[in-house]
């Protein structure tokens, strides 16, 4: 997905927000209002971030960690260590765990260094400034804040929070003037009758607003169903096991009542069929939700101010 947290048109709509964001971009050498540049930047930094979690180092750390944990259990049963001192047999686990911790710590350090890369830090600062000025953020990718793949938690590098900026209309409140005893205006102001109006420049025609695609009813259905279900497989297997165990108990002990549990088997099949139908429906609605997100992406690229996504659609964007 190329759906940005916020596009350049929304960042530039408020002159004060645009000025603050330009200052952030100047410090980091990036124009954060350029959608094409930001899209390429995020793709590059995400790839660099993911590269730190693959390769020889992560493989070494993971394999030595597993060996260090299981060695105290498999060491004593090896013929080469038969009859040896249990302490000496378990001793190799220590160096393995040290190597594992060192390798995984280095992976974490490299990942954190990529996460706080200056251009990403500047973009997170840009999002914080936009949010403080009331600019709606469509979504914040989980990887950008160092959150888990499920999007939970605060993250290792969250978007900073700044005090809200009051709207410009609230700041530009006119101060009323008080006339003197004779009813005249103060000396530093000219009477209204003697004032000469300045010729006003012709007002520029604002660019037409790009409409945001309406949310289809199937997408709303997906939002309601996205977090529903997921229990059918487990329940079906529990019913199967209960039916088999009950039937076996009835057969061995000669208890006819135990044979009643055999009816749990068709019930398990019914539960599985219901789960399959629900899964098919959810997959169909998920495709409609993906089409809607793609439509939002196209509208955002055209300059539309896309509102904040629902938690279900944010999770869908993060997974893709």
Foldseek 3Di string as FASTA:
>chain_A
DLFFQWALLLQPPDVVSVVVLVVLCVVLVHDRNHSVRVSVVVVVLVVQLVVLCDDDLVVLLVVLLVCLVCQLPVQQVDPVCDPHDSCVSNVVSVVSNVSNVVSVVVSVVSNVCSLVPSVLLSVLQSVQSCVLAVQFTQADALVNQQHDLQSDDQGPRHRDHDHRDDDPVVVPDDDDFDADPVRDGDPVDDDPVPDDDDDDDDDDDDDDAQDQDDDDPLLVVLVVPVPDDPCLVVQLVVLVVQLVVLVVCCVVVVPVVSNVSVVSNVVSVVSVVVRVVSVVSNVVSLVVLVVSVVSRSVSSVVPHRNHYDDSSSSSVVSVD
